[in-house]
Amino acid sequence: MQGIQAFIFQTNKLKEIVGASALVENLCKGFFEDEFDVGKESFITQTAGNIKCIVGENKCKDIVRRFPMLAMQYAPGITISQAVIEMSGDKPTKKEVNELEKKLRIQRNRQVMPFDVGYMGLERARRTGGVGVEYEKNEVIDSSTKAKIGRRKEDTLKLFEEIAGGDVKIEASQVPFDLKHITGKDENSWIAIVHADGNSIGKVVQDIKPGDFKNFSKNLQKATTAAAKTAFKSLGIRLNDKMKMYPIRPVILGGDDLTVIIRADLALKFTEEYLKAFEEETEGKLNQRLTACAGIAYIKQNYPFHYGVDLAEALTKEAKKASKKISKDSPPSSLSFYKVLSSFVESLEEMKKRTHKVAGKEGIYFDHGPYFIHTQDKKPTVGDLVSKMKGIRENGDGLQGVGKLRHWLTLLEKDLQEARLYLDRMRQVNAKFYNKMKLDQEREANTTIIFDVVQLYSFEPQNNKQ
């Protein structure tokens, strides 16, 4: 399937986002199985919009002929690409698998006629631009939106139950269906989009015998789900009268991919714990310790979600690039994050040019990441961020400490010498805070972690009343 991200994150309405996610999930599984009477034993993989199965010639012809139209009717906005190979034996060979992937890449580059083509005189859905089909609370909606909001709550809860279920029974009333249920505030509240992706999975798959790929795919899915469950549990969320709903909603959980929407102050811990657990779970379930990288896009809840997801993916790529510089064969787990401070939609590179400035003539950069999960030689870690945020909290009046750090960052942009003198005064007046924050390390460095620490601390519950 193509255009899955755009299909899911077409709007900022959480109900539509989770409805779209449920449509994609069921399209791969229950819908396909029931429509074409394909048993689970025939599937090689059926997650994250990717279906591979072994069927007879007649059934194959039926699938190729009918599935694209049925899928576009079931989930308008989704595009289906298909490829078929004839197997020489009961199981595909490596050559046959490679040929299948080659054919699929060719199909993905071909234009597909949209399911809904409207004349100029027809009314359009204002939020999506699609052809209007009916009114929903005085708003014109298109067929795609209609399908998303038409999903039963039970269907849209399945993904949440996969990471949060188990010991505790999840009620529909405890799961957010609106972004304000995650933040507890208005549209100016901060949320985070977390995207995580396994490292060098394609290379790992190349070394797997075609006959073993089905088990690998199944166990990779189990490892990803178990890691997400561990990360969720690490947050220690306890619902009460003030917080009646869980401040997190998984949207994509398939293969080695994970995308969640989460309250901003919980995102870093969730991501760190997920990446740690992913390594452990893959080692236990796949007998090889795989790693992953992640990106966290901190955005206001009224910021276009599609661009927020693109940013999270760009941050993931940035983390992967840094990890591969350490080891191409076994990149370490890392994460990168960015707090969107304007309403302009730009590339990650352009946004960093404006916000992560070069400070002073000697050149001190505010861009200190990506951050690694485990200690690497002279590389910043998530533990460094956590340690410095703890130093701020233990300063008594944390906001006062943050104010001093912000002032130092401002001085860095104007005069490096003046900034150093300010650090000297801070060491004399507030030696405990100075030492706790290890500000000696910031005096001669060419990058500073303090900018990122200040950004993260702004999400603390006592600062934003979330």
Foldseek 3Di string as FASTA:
>chain_A
DPPLLCLLQLDLFLLLNLLSLLLLLCLQPVVVCVVLVDDPVQWLDRFPNDTDGDDDDVSVVVCVVPVQVVSCQLAFPDGDFAFDDDAPDPFHFLVRVVVRVVNRVVRVPDDDDGPDDDDPPFDAQVSRRGGFDDDDPNGTDHSNSVSSNPDDLVSSCPLVCLQANDPDDDDSQQADRGLCLLQVDDLQAKKKKKKKAWAPVVVVVSPDGRVCSSLVQVLQLVQLSPLLNQLVVVVVDDADPSRRYANKGWRGRGRRITIIMGHQLSVLSSVLSSQVSSQVSCCVRVVHRIGMEMEMEMERSNARVSLSVVQRVVQRVVQNVVQVVVPVVHRAYWGYYDYDDDNDRDHPVVSCPVPQDQFAPVTATQRQDGAGSDDDVVHHHVVLLVQLLVLLVVPPPSVVVLVLLVVLVVVRNPHLVVSLVSLVVCCVPPVSSSVSNVCVVVNPDSYDPSSVSSVSNCSPCVNVVD
